[in-house]
Structure formats: structure tokens, C-alpha cells
């Protein structure tokens, strides 16, 4: 704290601390507290309470429609009484009888193609009779409205009384959801391992490059694609892997398959395509931490091991990998968490053609079913799994938070 004050001054230091505190509280702590609270609050959905509310809403809508019809009919009667037309001429249009003979279509009485023909409507009763029928119906509905509202309020109160902290949001998850949850963790772990196998040789090669110009060029080649929006990069892969995409067209040109005959390799119909796109999407999160640690390794240690007769595999196993453990841990943690929580890649690469990821189930509960409590429980479950993975990785690689931060 004193070092910050001496370096940046009291005002700037206070401003930085204030903004950091707001960021931590408003964007991290409060959303997580709300997530946990929703996850343990079970809200019953559907059942008698929802049916009663629906019946009440329909009755209120019907009363509003009848009120409009009554005003239209009274206006019609008043016009007939003032000599503006015959009271029994068929009546004016209304929500309950929009094609009454007195209705105008558009700005003229010309019937256009595709428009309902007013002549098909049954002849309207005299306005006095219609007014009496509407008033009777309204009185009946108004009499029922009190009972419907009382029933809806009672069922809603019973439902709210049943709402409380419990584990029902977790226990009501189906076996299919638990299976998808488990498979998502397996998929994310697979993506992490594959990403490490791809990125470790790249990071080692870049770290061992002696020319700063070549290092800058290699890093630039890795970073440039990420200047493009992530969705555009995913769509680029969709264009490559689609049934008539670039890859299948290349195979068609080589004569391996015939697109004209409907032959195509369905690349996007499996998780292999999702794995491939995820490795591409998250490669930097694995490359840079490993590169940063290997780059600090004294090359003399590698030369000494080689002079002592160690094989390439043994040099990596005994010298390079132990030194790169913090970078591998950071890259594994970031790649696993990004993969487990990814929604764009599994949602855009062959949607519906490969097994669902748990993140897609969470998305549907939040934004399609509108069930935020179930979605929060599932999101909390995924968060706990990711946290356990972080602890397991730190324990496996025997690294501390301080080593990871370096």
C-alpha cells in the first residue's frame, strides 16, 4: 500500500482501490451471492396456481373485449337513432365480430386477394339484442371474476409458502441432465489434454528460439487470428467443416468423395469438431502460460542434461516439464474452465448434431424456459466442479497460488 502511494500518489491510489473494490463487489461477489441464493430456493412451476392465473387472465381479457363491443354497439344505436343508418343494418365491426357487414376493408369496400370475405360472416343480430347479450355475458363474467381472483391469490400464496431454501433444484435434475453434466466434464478435460499436447511443442519451440525477431514473428502469427471476433472465427470453422464446406470440397477435388452424389463427411455431427474448434479458440490460454515459464528456464540445464546422455524425452520429463509446472497448471485451469462454460462453440458448431454440453442446458433454463432458479443450481454445480478441478490441478502439480501468480 505504501509503495503504491509513493509511486502513484494518494489520489490515484485511492481511485484504483475504489474501482477495484467496486469491480470485485459489484461484478464478482454480488452476482455469485445471487446465484447461490437462487440455486437453493425452489420455486414450483405450473400446476393449479398457474392454471388459475391463466383462467383469471382470460376472464379479464374477455371482459375488456366485451367492454369494447358494448361501446361500439352503443355508438351504432346512437347513430341509428340520429338517422345515420338503420339500427338493424347489420352492425359495426367489433373485436367479437370484425367482419360485420358494416366493416370497411382498408380505405374502400373492395375485397383484395387473400383477405377474408366479410360476406361469409353470419348476419348480425339487431344492436339492441347484441347489447343485451353482451351486458348479460359481462355481468356473468364479472360475477365469476371475484371467485377466480380469490382462488388464484390463494393458490399463489400456497405456492409461495411452499417456496423456500432446499435442495430440490438439485434433486429434481433428471438422470439425463446428470449424465450430460458428467460428460461435459469429460469433454472439457479431453479438450484440456489435447490443447496441452498441441501447445506444449509450440511453446517450447518459441521459447528455445534464440532470435528475438523470430520469437516476435511466431507470437504475431499466434495472436493475429485473435484480432477477429470469436464468433467470426467459429463461423469460419463452420464453413470449413460443413457438409459442403471447404474440407469436403477438397476431398471432392481429390476424388475421395463425390458431393454431387450426396456423399459428404459429416464432420460437425460429433464432438470431434467441437474439440477442434475449442482447441483453436483457446490455444493462446495454454500457449502463453507455458511459454512464459519455459522461457525462464536456463538453457544450460538442457545442454547439461544432453551432455550427460539424456534422451530428448528424458530432458523434457526431468528438466523442462518440472520447470513449466506453474504454466501448465495455469493453462490447464483456464482451458478447462473456458471449455466447460463455453456456449458459443457447441451452440454454433453443428447444433443438434452432437451431444449437448451442460452449458447449453443452463442457457435453455435461463433464456428459453425462464427458470432462473434451476439454471442457477446447474450453474453453481458447474462452478463447484471447476473449483474442484482447480484444487486438483494445484495439488497434482504441487503449485501454490503465489507460484501461479508469478
Protein backbone atom coordinates (compact mmCIF):
# COMPACT_ATOMS: atom_id res chain seq x y z
CA UNK A 1 0.00 0.00 0.00
CA UNK A 2 2.76 2.43 0.90
CA UNK A 3 4.62 1.54 -2.29
CA UNK A 4 1.52 2.30 -4.37
CA UNK A 5 1.07 5.62 -2.60
CA UNK A 6 4.68 6.61 -3.17
CA UNK A 7 4.55 5.55 -6.83
CA UNK A 8 1.15 6.89 -7.92
CA UNK A 9 0.20 9.37 -5.21
CA UNK A 10 -2.67 9.17 -2.69
CA UNK A 11 -5.41 10.30 -5.11
CA UNK A 12 -4.65 7.84 -7.92
CA UNK A 13 -4.01 5.03 -5.42
CA UNK A 14 -7.36 5.67 -3.74
CA UNK A 15 -9.12 5.78 -7.11
CA UNK A 16 -7.57 2.47 -8.21
CA UNK A 17 -8.52 0.81 -4.91
CA UNK A 18 -12.06 2.20 -5.12
CA UNK A 19 -12.59 0.96 -8.69
CA UNK A 20 -11.07 -2.41 -7.80
CA UNK A 21 -13.39 -2.73 -4.81
CA UNK A 22 -16.43 -1.81 -6.91
CA UNK A 23 -15.38 -4.32 -9.56
CA UNK A 24 -14.90 -7.12 -7.02
CA UNK A 25 -18.12 -6.43 -5.12
CA UNK A 26 -20.47 -5.48 -7.97
CA UNK A 27 -19.24 -7.82 -10.68
CA UNK A 28 -17.99 -10.83 -8.72
CA UNK A 29 -19.32 -11.13 -5.17
CA UNK A 30 -22.92 -9.89 -5.59
CA UNK A 31 -23.67 -11.96 -8.74
CA UNK A 32 -22.25 -15.07 -7.07
CA UNK A 33 -24.28 -14.44 -3.90
CA UNK A 34 -27.42 -14.02 -6.01
CA UNK A 35 -26.58 -17.19 -7.94
CA UNK A 36 -26.15 -19.21 -4.74
CA UNK A 37 -29.36 -17.77 -3.25
CA UNK A 38 -31.40 -18.68 -6.33
CA UNK A 39 -29.82 -22.13 -6.54
CA UNK A 40 -31.19 -23.13 -3.12
CA UNK A 41 -34.65 -21.55 -3.49
CA UNK A 42 -37.13 -23.93 -5.11
CA UNK A 43 -39.98 -22.23 -6.98
CA UNK A 44 -42.81 -24.58 -8.04
CA UNK A 45 -43.83 -24.03 -11.66
CA UNK A 46 -47.08 -24.96 -13.38
CA UNK A 47 -49.82 -26.82 -11.52
CA UNK A 48 -53.08 -25.39 -10.21
CA UNK A 49 -51.66 -21.94 -9.37
CA UNK A 50 -50.57 -21.28 -12.95
CA UNK A 51 -53.85 -22.65 -14.33
CA UNK A 52 -55.87 -20.40 -12.01
CA UNK A 53 -53.81 -17.36 -13.01
CA UNK A 54 -54.35 -18.23 -16.67
CA UNK A 55 -58.13 -18.54 -16.21
CA UNK A 56 -58.21 -15.18 -14.40
CA UNK A 57 -56.24 -13.52 -17.18
CA UNK A 58 -58.55 -14.95 -19.85
CA UNK A 59 -61.63 -13.71 -17.98
CA UNK A 60 -60.15 -10.21 -17.67
CA UNK A 61 -59.27 -10.16 -21.36
CA UNK A 62 -62.78 -11.29 -22.28
CA UNK A 63 -64.31 -8.52 -20.13
CA UNK A 64 -62.09 -5.95 -21.84
CA UNK A 65 -63.24 -7.23 -25.25
CA UNK A 66 -66.90 -7.11 -24.21
CA UNK A 67 -66.47 -3.53 -22.95
CA UNK A 68 -65.14 -2.55 -26.37
CA UNK A 69 -68.06 -4.31 -28.09
CA UNK A 70 -70.56 -2.58 -25.80
CA UNK A 71 -69.16 0.84 -26.64
CA UNK A 72 -69.22 0.03 -30.36
CA UNK A 73 -72.80 -1.23 -30.15
CA UNK A 74 -73.97 1.80 -28.16
CA UNK A 75 -72.36 4.05 -30.77
CA UNK A 76 -74.19 2.12 -33.50
CA UNK A 77 -77.52 2.52 -31.71
CA UNK A 78 -76.90 6.25 -31.25
CA UNK A 79 -76.09 6.68 -34.95
CA UNK A 80 -79.27 4.79 -35.92
CA UNK A 81 -81.35 6.94 -33.57
CA UNK A 82 -79.93 10.13 -35.10
CA UNK A 83 -80.83 8.97 -38.59
CA UNK A 84 -77.30 7.96 -39.61
CA UNK A 85 -78.38 4.48 -40.65
CA UNK A 86 -80.68 1.59 -39.88
CA UNK A 87 -80.25 0.02 -36.48
CA UNK A 88 -80.79 -3.39 -37.95
CA UNK A 89 -78.48 -2.94 -40.91
CA UNK A 90 -76.05 -5.46 -39.63
CA UNK A 91 -73.99 -3.54 -37.13
CA UNK A 92 -70.49 -2.11 -36.95
CA UNK A 93 -67.36 -4.23 -36.74
CA UNK A 94 -66.02 -5.13 -33.30
CA UNK A 95 -63.39 -7.47 -31.80
CA UNK A 96 -66.01 -10.19 -31.45
CA UNK A 97 -67.42 -9.59 -34.95
CA UNK A 98 -64.71 -7.95 -37.08
CA UNK A 99 -66.39 -8.83 -40.38
CA UNK A 100 -69.76 -7.35 -39.73
CA UNK A 101 -71.44 -6.10 -42.93
CA UNK A 102 -70.73 -2.53 -41.92
CA UNK A 103 -66.95 -3.14 -41.88
CA UNK A 104 -64.68 -1.46 -44.38
CA UNK A 105 -61.63 -3.25 -45.66
CA UNK A 106 -58.76 -0.79 -45.84
CA UNK A 107 -59.94 2.54 -47.26
CA UNK A 108 -62.66 1.07 -49.52
CA UNK A 109 -65.17 -1.74 -49.68
CA UNK A 110 -63.12 -3.58 -52.28
CA UNK A 111 -62.14 -7.09 -51.20
CA UNK A 112 -58.49 -7.73 -52.02
CA UNK A 113 -57.00 -11.14 -52.79
CA UNK A 114 -56.05 -13.09 -49.70
CA UNK A 115 -58.39 -11.09 -47.41
CA UNK A 116 -61.27 -12.75 -45.52
CA UNK A 117 -64.61 -12.21 -47.19
CA UNK A 118 -66.97 -10.30 -44.90
CA UNK A 119 -69.97 -11.89 -46.59
CA UNK A 120 -69.04 -15.25 -45.04
CA UNK A 121 -69.80 -13.96 -41.54
CA UNK A 122 -73.24 -14.79 -40.12
CA UNK A 123 -75.75 -11.97 -40.23
CA UNK A 124 -75.51 -9.81 -37.13
CA UNK A 125 -78.41 -9.59 -34.69
CA UNK A 126 -80.06 -6.22 -34.07
CA UNK A 127 -77.80 -3.96 -31.99
CA UNK A 128 -80.27 -3.79 -29.07
CA UNK A 129 -80.28 -7.58 -28.83
CA UNK A 130 -76.48 -7.76 -29.13
CA UNK A 131 -76.11 -5.10 -26.45
CA UNK A 132 -78.34 -7.06 -24.07
CA UNK A 133 -76.38 -10.28 -24.76
CA UNK A 134 -73.05 -8.55 -24.16
CA UNK A 135 -74.22 -6.96 -20.92
CA UNK A 136 -75.52 -10.32 -19.68
CA UNK A 137 -72.24 -12.04 -20.53
CA UNK A 138 -70.26 -9.27 -18.88
CA UNK A 139 -72.33 -9.49 -15.70
CA UNK A 140 -71.76 -13.25 -15.54
CA UNK A 141 -68.00 -12.87 -16.04
CA UNK A 142 -67.84 -10.03 -13.52
CA UNK A 143 -69.55 -12.28 -11.01
CA UNK A 144 -67.05 -15.07 -11.65
CA UNK A 145 -64.07 -12.69 -11.55
CA UNK A 146 -64.07 -12.35 -7.77
CA UNK A 147 -64.02 -16.10 -7.25
CA UNK A 148 -61.30 -16.59 -9.84
CA UNK A 149 -59.15 -13.86 -8.29
CA UNK A 150 -59.64 -15.29 -4.79
CA UNK A 151 -58.70 -18.79 -5.99
CA UNK A 152 -55.65 -17.52 -7.90
CA UNK A 153 -54.44 -15.50 -4.88
CA UNK A 154 -54.97 -18.46 -2.54
CA UNK A 155 -53.08 -20.89 -4.76
CA UNK A 156 -50.31 -18.33 -5.30
CA UNK A 157 -49.98 -17.84 -1.54
CA UNK A 158 -49.82 -21.61 -1.04
CA UNK A 159 -47.17 -21.84 -3.74
CA UNK A 160 -45.12 -19.05 -2.15
CA UNK A 161 -45.45 -20.77 1.23
CA UNK A 162 -44.00 -23.91 -0.34
CA UNK A 163 -41.14 -21.86 -1.74
CA UNK A 164 -38.04 -21.87 0.45
CA UNK A 165 -34.46 -22.96 0.82
CA UNK A 166 -33.99 -26.59 -0.11
CA UNK A 167 -32.01 -28.92 -2.35
CA UNK A 168 -34.95 -29.60 -4.67
CA UNK A 169 -33.38 -27.65 -7.54
CA UNK A 170 -30.59 -30.22 -7.48
CA UNK A 171 -32.61 -33.34 -6.67
CA UNK A 172 -35.16 -32.63 -9.42
CA UNK A 173 -32.48 -32.80 -12.09
CA UNK A 174 -33.12 -35.80 -14.31
CA UNK A 175 -30.69 -38.61 -14.91
CA UNK A 176 -30.13 -37.26 -18.41
CA UNK A 177 -29.01 -33.90 -17.02
CA UNK A 178 -26.58 -35.59 -14.62
CA UNK A 179 -25.20 -37.64 -17.50
CA UNK A 180 -24.72 -34.51 -19.63
CA UNK A 181 -23.03 -32.82 -16.66
CA UNK A 182 -20.59 -35.71 -16.25
CA UNK A 183 -19.89 -35.95 -19.97
CA UNK A 184 -19.28 -32.18 -20.15
CA UNK A 185 -16.55 -32.52 -17.53
CA UNK A 186 -15.05 -35.41 -19.51
CA UNK A 187 -15.24 -33.39 -22.74
CA UNK A 188 -13.63 -30.34 -21.08
CA UNK A 189 -10.84 -32.49 -19.64
CA UNK A 190 -10.29 -34.02 -23.10
CA UNK A 191 -10.08 -30.56 -24.68
CA UNK A 192 -7.57 -29.53 -21.99
CA UNK A 193 -5.35 -32.56 -22.60
CA UNK A 194 -5.49 -32.18 -26.40
CA UNK A 195 -4.79 -28.46 -26.10
CA UNK A 196 -1.72 -29.20 -23.94
CA UNK A 197 -0.43 -31.78 -26.45
CA UNK A 198 -0.77 -29.21 -29.24
CA UNK A 199 0.51 -26.18 -27.33
CA UNK A 200 3.47 -27.61 -25.41
CA UNK A 201 5.65 -28.23 -28.51
CA UNK A 202 4.73 -24.78 -29.85
CA UNK A 203 5.58 -23.06 -26.56
CA UNK A 204 8.85 -24.98 -26.24
CA UNK A 205 9.88 -24.20 -29.82
CA UNK A 206 9.15 -20.50 -29.40
CA UNK A 207 10.93 -20.37 -26.01
CA UNK A 208 14.04 -22.05 -27.47
CA UNK A 209 14.22 -19.69 -30.43
CA UNK A 210 17.31 -17.51 -29.96
CA UNK A 211 16.40 -14.78 -32.43
CA UNK A 212 14.12 -12.12 -30.90
CA UNK A 213 12.81 -11.33 -34.38
CA UNK A 214 11.70 -14.92 -34.92
CA UNK A 215 10.06 -15.01 -31.48
CA UNK A 216 8.14 -11.83 -32.30
CA UNK A 217 7.13 -13.24 -35.68
CA UNK A 218 5.92 -16.53 -34.18
CA UNK A 219 3.97 -14.75 -31.46
CA UNK A 220 2.45 -12.42 -34.02
CA UNK A 221 1.32 -15.42 -36.03
CA UNK A 222 -0.42 -16.80 -32.95
CA UNK A 223 -2.04 -13.52 -31.92
CA UNK A 224 -3.23 -12.17 -35.30
CA UNK A 225 -6.20 -14.58 -35.65
CA UNK A 226 -7.47 -13.41 -32.27
CA UNK A 227 -7.88 -9.88 -33.57
CA UNK A 228 -11.02 -11.25 -35.21
CA UNK A 229 -14.22 -11.61 -33.19
CA UNK A 230 -14.64 -15.05 -31.61
CA UNK A 231 -17.99 -15.66 -33.32
CA UNK A 232 -16.45 -14.94 -36.72
CA UNK A 233 -13.64 -17.40 -36.00
CA UNK A 234 -16.19 -20.05 -35.04
CA UNK A 235 -18.24 -19.40 -38.17
CA UNK A 236 -15.06 -19.73 -40.22
CA UNK A 237 -14.63 -23.23 -38.82
CA UNK A 238 -18.29 -23.99 -39.54
CA UNK A 239 -17.64 -23.06 -43.18
CA UNK A 240 -14.63 -25.39 -43.21
CA UNK A 241 -16.38 -28.35 -41.58
CA UNK A 242 -19.86 -28.06 -43.11
CA UNK A 243 -21.19 -30.82 -45.35
CA UNK A 244 -20.41 -28.69 -48.40
CA UNK A 245 -17.63 -26.82 -46.68
CA UNK A 246 -14.04 -26.30 -47.69
CA UNK A 247 -12.79 -29.62 -46.30
CA UNK A 248 -15.38 -31.73 -48.10
CA UNK A 249 -14.84 -29.75 -51.29
CA UNK A 250 -11.12 -30.52 -51.06
CA UNK A 251 -11.90 -34.22 -50.66
CA UNK A 252 -14.25 -33.97 -53.64
CA UNK A 253 -11.49 -32.36 -55.73
CA UNK A 254 -9.12 -35.18 -54.78
CA UNK A 255 -11.72 -37.72 -55.87
CA UNK A 256 -12.13 -39.23 -52.40
CA UNK A 257 -15.87 -38.47 -52.36
CA UNK A 258 -18.50 -37.12 -54.73
CA UNK A 259 -20.51 -34.18 -53.43
CA UNK A 260 -22.76 -34.28 -56.49
CA UNK A 261 -23.95 -37.75 -55.42
CA UNK A 262 -24.67 -36.55 -51.90
CA UNK A 263 -21.52 -38.02 -50.44
CA UNK A 264 -20.07 -35.98 -47.58
CA UNK A 265 -18.23 -36.49 -44.34
CA UNK A 266 -20.40 -35.16 -41.51
CA UNK A 267 -17.59 -33.52 -39.57
CA UNK A 268 -19.87 -31.42 -37.37
CA UNK A 269 -22.01 -34.38 -36.28
CA UNK A 270 -19.64 -35.34 -33.45
CA UNK A 271 -17.79 -33.77 -30.57
CA UNK A 272 -14.56 -34.09 -32.54
CA UNK A 273 -15.45 -30.92 -34.45
CA UNK A 274 -16.29 -29.16 -31.17
CA UNK A 275 -12.96 -30.25 -29.68
CA UNK A 276 -11.08 -29.00 -32.75
CA UNK A 277 -12.75 -25.57 -32.68
CA UNK A 278 -12.28 -25.24 -28.92
CA UNK A 279 -8.57 -26.02 -29.19
CA UNK A 280 -8.31 -23.30 -31.82
CA UNK A 281 -10.40 -20.87 -29.76
CA UNK A 282 -8.47 -21.34 -26.50
CA UNK A 283 -4.97 -22.16 -27.73
CA UNK A 284 -3.48 -18.87 -26.52
CA UNK A 285 -4.66 -19.52 -22.97
CA UNK A 286 -2.48 -22.63 -22.93
CA UNK A 287 0.46 -21.44 -25.06
CA UNK A 288 1.34 -18.22 -23.27
CA UNK A 289 1.49 -19.53 -19.66
CA UNK A 290 3.66 -22.47 -20.75
CA UNK A 291 5.87 -20.22 -22.88
CA UNK A 292 6.32 -17.74 -20.03
CA UNK A 293 7.63 -20.46 -17.70
CA UNK A 294 9.80 -22.30 -20.24
CA UNK A 295 11.29 -19.00 -21.37
CA UNK A 296 12.73 -18.51 -17.86
CA UNK A 297 14.46 -21.92 -17.95
CA UNK A 298 18.23 -21.70 -18.15
CA UNK A 299 19.25 -23.31 -21.44
CA UNK A 300 22.44 -24.53 -19.77
CA UNK A 301 20.36 -27.06 -17.83
CA UNK A 302 19.08 -28.57 -21.09
CA UNK A 303 22.60 -28.62 -22.57
CA UNK A 304 23.98 -30.23 -19.41
CA UNK A 305 21.34 -32.95 -19.49
CA UNK A 306 22.06 -33.57 -23.16
CA UNK A 307 25.82 -33.75 -22.50
CA UNK A 308 25.17 -36.31 -19.76
CA UNK A 309 23.46 -38.55 -22.31
CA UNK A 310 19.83 -37.85 -21.50
CA UNK A 311 17.40 -38.54 -24.33
CA UNK A 312 15.03 -35.87 -25.61
CA UNK A 313 12.11 -37.49 -23.81
CA UNK A 314 14.06 -37.63 -20.54
CA UNK A 315 15.16 -33.99 -20.87
CA UNK A 316 11.54 -32.91 -21.16
CA UNK A 317 10.35 -35.24 -18.39
CA UNK A 318 13.06 -34.40 -15.86
CA UNK A 319 14.04 -30.82 -16.75
CA UNK A 320 11.53 -28.89 -18.86
CA UNK A 321 8.19 -30.17 -17.58
CA UNK A 322 9.02 -29.75 -13.85
CA UNK A 323 10.11 -26.19 -14.53
CA UNK A 324 6.97 -25.49 -16.59
CA UNK A 325 4.53 -26.84 -13.96
CA UNK A 326 3.10 -23.42 -12.97
CA UNK A 327 2.49 -22.52 -16.62
CA UNK A 328 0.90 -25.90 -17.35
CA UNK A 329 -1.32 -25.53 -14.27
CA UNK A 330 -2.49 -22.06 -15.31
CA UNK A 331 -3.09 -23.11 -18.91
CA UNK A 332 -4.98 -26.24 -17.84
CA UNK A 333 -7.17 -24.31 -15.42
CA UNK A 334 -8.05 -21.61 -17.94
CA UNK A 335 -8.67 -24.03 -20.80
CA UNK A 336 -10.82 -26.37 -18.69
CA UNK A 337 -12.97 -23.56 -17.28
CA UNK A 338 -13.45 -21.91 -20.67
CA UNK A 339 -14.36 -25.24 -22.26
CA UNK A 340 -16.78 -26.25 -19.52
CA UNK A 341 -18.57 -22.91 -19.68
CA UNK A 342 -18.48 -22.46 -23.45
CA UNK A 343 -21.83 -21.82 -25.10
CA UNK A 344 -20.82 -20.36 -28.46
CA UNK A 345 -18.74 -23.28 -29.76
CA UNK A 346 -21.14 -26.18 -29.02
CA UNK A 347 -24.07 -23.95 -29.93
CA UNK A 348 -22.77 -22.94 -33.36
CA UNK A 349 -20.75 -25.96 -34.50
CA UNK A 350 -23.34 -28.48 -35.67
CA UNK A 351 -26.19 -27.55 -33.31
CA UNK A 352 -28.36 -30.57 -32.64
CA UNK A 353 -25.94 -32.93 -34.41
CA UNK A 354 -23.66 -33.69 -31.45
CA UNK A 355 -24.35 -34.41 -27.76
CA UNK A 356 -25.36 -31.39 -25.68
CA UNK A 357 -22.96 -29.68 -23.33
CA UNK A 358 -24.10 -28.73 -19.83
CA UNK A 359 -23.66 -25.03 -20.63
CA UNK A 360 -26.39 -25.39 -23.28
CA UNK A 361 -28.76 -26.84 -20.67
CA UNK A 362 -28.05 -23.88 -18.37
CA UNK A 363 -28.64 -21.44 -21.25
CA UNK A 364 -32.02 -23.01 -22.07
CA UNK A 365 -33.18 -22.83 -18.46
CA UNK A 366 -32.22 -19.17 -18.20
CA UNK A 367 -33.29 -17.76 -21.56
CA UNK A 368 -35.81 -20.22 -23.02
CA UNK A 369 -37.63 -21.80 -20.07
CA UNK A 370 -37.22 -18.70 -17.89
CA UNK A 371 -36.43 -20.93 -14.90
CA UNK A 372 -33.58 -18.96 -13.33
CA UNK A 373 -33.56 -20.98 -10.12
CA UNK A 374 -32.96 -24.31 -11.84
CA UNK A 375 -30.43 -22.60 -14.11
CA UNK A 376 -28.67 -21.12 -11.09
CA UNK A 377 -28.48 -24.54 -9.42
CA UNK A 378 -26.94 -26.04 -12.56
CA UNK A 379 -24.53 -23.11 -12.93
CA UNK A 380 -23.49 -23.48 -9.28
CA UNK A 381 -22.92 -27.19 -9.86
CA UNK A 382 -20.62 -26.39 -12.78
CA UNK A 383 -18.83 -23.71 -10.75
CA UNK A 384 -18.17 -26.18 -7.91
CA UNK A 385 -16.85 -28.75 -10.39
CA UNK A 386 -14.48 -26.18 -11.91
CA UNK A 387 -13.30 -25.12 -8.45
CA UNK A 388 -12.58 -28.74 -7.54
CA UNK A 389 -10.65 -29.09 -10.80
CA UNK A 390 -8.54 -26.05 -9.89
CA UNK A 391 -7.73 -27.52 -6.48
CA UNK A 392 -6.94 -30.91 -8.03
CA UNK A 393 -4.59 -29.34 -10.59
CA UNK A 394 -2.80 -27.30 -7.92
CA UNK A 395 -2.42 -30.44 -5.81
CA UNK A 396 -1.28 -32.59 -8.74
CA UNK A 397 1.35 -30.11 -9.93
CA UNK A 398 2.20 -29.09 -6.37
CA UNK A 399 1.99 -25.41 -7.12
CA UNK A 400 0.70 -22.65 -4.87
CA UNK A 401 -1.33 -19.59 -5.69
CA UNK A 402 1.84 -17.50 -5.36
CA UNK A 403 3.63 -19.63 -7.97
CA UNK A 404 0.66 -19.41 -10.33
CA UNK A 405 0.50 -15.64 -9.90
CA UNK A 406 4.15 -15.34 -10.91
